[in-house]
C-alpha atoms as a PDB file:
ATOM      1  CA  MET A   1       6.991  42.928   7.886  1.00  0.00           C
ATOM      2  CA  SER A   2       4.622  42.341  10.770  1.00  0.00           C
ATOM      3  CA  PHE A   3       2.248  39.395  11.153  1.00  0.00           C
ATOM      4  CA  ILE A   4      -0.803  41.719  10.835  1.00  0.00           C
ATOM      5  CA  GLN A   5       0.511  43.023   7.518  1.00  0.00           C
ATOM      6  CA  TYR A   6       1.084  39.408   6.339  1.00  0.00           C
ATOM      7  CA  LEU A   7      -2.584  38.602   7.164  1.00  0.00           C
ATOM      8  CA  LYS A   8      -3.800  41.675   5.301  1.00  0.00           C
ATOM      9  CA  ASP A   9      -1.722  40.752   2.218  1.00  0.00           C
ATOM     10  CA  THR A  10      -2.990  37.212   2.366  1.00  0.00           C
ATOM     11  CA  ARG A  11      -6.605  38.353   2.545  1.00  0.00           C
ATOM     12  CA  SER A  12      -5.982  40.716  -0.400  1.00  0.00           C
ATOM     13  CA  GLU A  13      -4.521  37.881  -2.553  1.00  0.00           C
ATOM     14  CA  LEU A  14      -7.329  35.530  -1.731  1.00  0.00           C
ATOM     15  CA  ARG A  15      -9.830  38.030  -3.138  1.00  0.00           C
ATOM     16  CA  HIS A  16      -8.135  37.624  -6.530  1.00  0.00           C
ATOM     17  CA  VAL A  17      -8.550  33.883  -6.588  1.00  0.00           C
ATOM     18  CA  ALA A  18     -11.094  32.505  -9.013  1.00  0.00           C
ATOM     19  CA  TRP A  19     -12.837  29.962  -6.783  1.00  0.00           C
ATOM     20  CA  PRO A  20     -14.798  27.097  -8.449  1.00  0.00           C
ATOM     21  CA  THR A  21     -18.595  27.118  -8.213  1.00  0.00           C
ATOM     22  CA  ARG A  22     -20.408  24.476  -6.178  1.00  0.00           C
ATOM     23  CA  PRO A  23     -21.331  22.380  -9.266  1.00  0.00           C
ATOM     24  CA  GLN A  24     -17.694  22.463 -10.504  1.00  0.00           C
ATOM     25  CA  THR A  25     -16.478  21.358  -7.031  1.00  0.00           C
ATOM     26  CA  ILE A  26     -18.975  18.432  -7.043  1.00  0.00           C
ATOM     27  CA  ILE A  27     -17.959  17.418 -10.529  1.00  0.00           C
ATOM     28  CA  TYR A  28     -14.198  17.632  -9.794  1.00  0.00           C
ATOM     29  CA  THR A  29     -14.694  15.647  -6.530  1.00  0.00           C
ATOM     30  CA  ALA A  30     -16.644  12.902  -8.355  1.00  0.00           C
ATOM     31  CA  LEU A  31     -13.928  12.789 -11.055  1.00  0.00           C
ATOM     32  CA  VAL A  32     -11.155  12.411  -8.436  1.00  0.00           C
ATOM     33  CA  ILE A  33     -13.091   9.598  -6.666  1.00  0.00           C
ATOM     34  CA  GLY A  34     -13.912   7.851  -9.953  1.00  0.00           C
ATOM     35  CA  ILE A  35     -10.309   7.992 -11.255  1.00  0.00           C
ATOM     36  CA  SER A  36      -9.000   6.851  -7.879  1.00  0.00           C
ATOM     37  CA  LEU A  37     -11.318   3.841  -7.940  1.00  0.00           C
ATOM     38  CA  PHE A  38     -10.326   3.041 -11.552  1.00  0.00           C
ATOM     39  CA  VAL A  39      -6.626   3.168 -10.714  1.00  0.00           C
ATOM     40  CA  ALA A  40      -7.192   1.009  -7.652  1.00  0.00           C
ATOM     41  CA  VAL A  41      -9.018  -1.684  -9.647  1.00  0.00           C
ATOM     42  CA  TYR A  42      -6.457  -1.428 -12.520  1.00  0.00           C
ATOM     43  CA  LEU A  43      -3.476  -1.915 -10.128  1.00  0.00           C
ATOM     44  CA  GLY A  44      -5.287  -4.526  -8.126  1.00  0.00           C
ATOM     45  CA  PHE A  45      -6.010  -6.516 -11.273  1.00  0.00           C
ATOM     46  CA  PHE A  46      -2.388  -6.494 -12.402  1.00  0.00           C
ATOM     47  CA  ASP A  47      -1.189  -7.308  -8.866  1.00  0.00           C
ATOM     48  CA  TYR A  48      -3.550 -10.315  -8.837  1.00  0.00           C
ATOM     49  CA  VAL A  49      -2.419 -11.487 -12.335  1.00  0.00           C
ATOM     50  CA  ILE A  50       1.307 -11.175 -11.497  1.00  0.00           C
ATOM     51  CA  THR A  51       1.006 -12.787  -8.060  1.00  0.00           C
ATOM     52  CA  SER A  52      -1.073 -15.751  -9.247  1.00  0.00           C
ATOM     53  CA  GLY A  53       1.161 -16.113 -12.274  1.00  0.00           C
ATOM     54  CA  LEU A  54       4.275 -16.241 -10.125  1.00  0.00           C
ATOM     55  CA  GLY A  55       2.608 -18.719  -7.731  1.00  0.00           C
ATOM     56  CA  ARG A  56       1.659 -21.045 -10.605  1.00  0.00           C
ATOM     57  CA  GLY A  57       5.082 -20.640 -12.118  1.00  0.00           C
ATOM     58  CA  LEU A  58       6.746 -21.647  -8.842  1.00  0.00           C
ATOM     59  CA  LEU A  59       4.541 -24.765  -8.722  1.00  0.00           C
ATOM     60  CA  LEU A  60       6.010 -25.849 -12.062  1.00  0.00           C
ATOM     61  CA  LEU A  61       9.543 -25.867 -10.686  1.00  0.00           C
ATOM     62  CA  PRO A  62      10.839 -29.291  -9.608  1.00  0.00           C
ATOM     63  CA  HIS A  63      10.544 -30.032  -5.909  1.00  0.00           C
ATOM     64  CA  ASN A  64      13.755 -31.130  -4.197  1.00  0.00           C
ATOM     65  CA  PRO A  65      13.154 -32.111  -0.593  1.00  0.00           C
ATOM     66  CA  SER A  66      16.820 -31.714   0.370  1.00  0.00           C
ATOM     67  CA  SER A  67      16.651 -28.024  -0.512  1.00  0.00           C
ATOM     68  CA  GLU A  68      13.889 -27.153   1.963  1.00  0.00           C
ATOM     69  CA  ILE A  69      14.559 -24.252   4.269  1.00  0.00           C
ATOM     70  CA  VAL A  70      15.389 -25.401   7.829  1.00  0.00           C
ATOM     71  CA  GLN A  71      14.020 -23.228  10.540  1.00  0.00           C
ATOM     72  CA  PRO A  72      16.291 -23.422  13.516  1.00  0.00           C
ATOM     73  CA  PHE A  73      14.684 -23.886  16.913  1.00  0.00           C
ATOM     74  CA  ALA A  74      11.230 -24.536  15.334  1.00  0.00           C
ATOM     75  CA  SER A  75      10.644 -27.962  16.788  1.00  0.00           C
ATOM     76  CA  SER A  76      13.392 -28.368  19.325  1.00  0.00           C
ATOM     77  CA  THR A  77      12.987 -27.699  22.985  1.00  0.00           C
ATOM     78  CA  VAL A  78      15.601 -26.429  25.312  1.00  0.00           C
ATOM     79  CA  THR A  79      15.878 -27.962  28.752  1.00  0.00           C
ATOM     80  CA  PHE A  80      17.775 -26.237  31.508  1.00  0.00           C
ATOM     81  CA  THR A  81      19.081 -28.204  34.495  1.00  0.00           C
ATOM     82  CA  THR A  82      20.464 -26.904  37.626  1.00  0.00           C
ATOM     83  CA  SER A  83      23.049 -28.665  39.683  1.00  0.00           C
ATOM     84  CA  THR A  84      24.396 -27.929  43.031  1.00  0.00           C
ATOM     85  CA  PRO A  85      28.129 -27.598  43.341  1.00  0.00           C
ATOM     86  CA  THR A  86      29.801 -30.423  45.158  1.00  0.00           C
ATOM     87  CA  GLN A  87      32.572 -29.888  47.673  1.00  0.00           C
END
């Protein structure tokens, strides 16, 4: 099958497609945007509720200073010295 024949067959098939009208396309586009915004707000709300709930729950845990995470090299400085070899 040649490429030209493929293009002819594709064009023939596209003539059989029932394309939506302009008003249908506008309505479907508005529906997709509206549903997307609703889902974004819905998921954002539950993300906020769960995140703030976990944050408040962690504040209720007892605080033990000896169990704090130590970050190595955070406040220490490294000093390099050079020395000349002695003979």
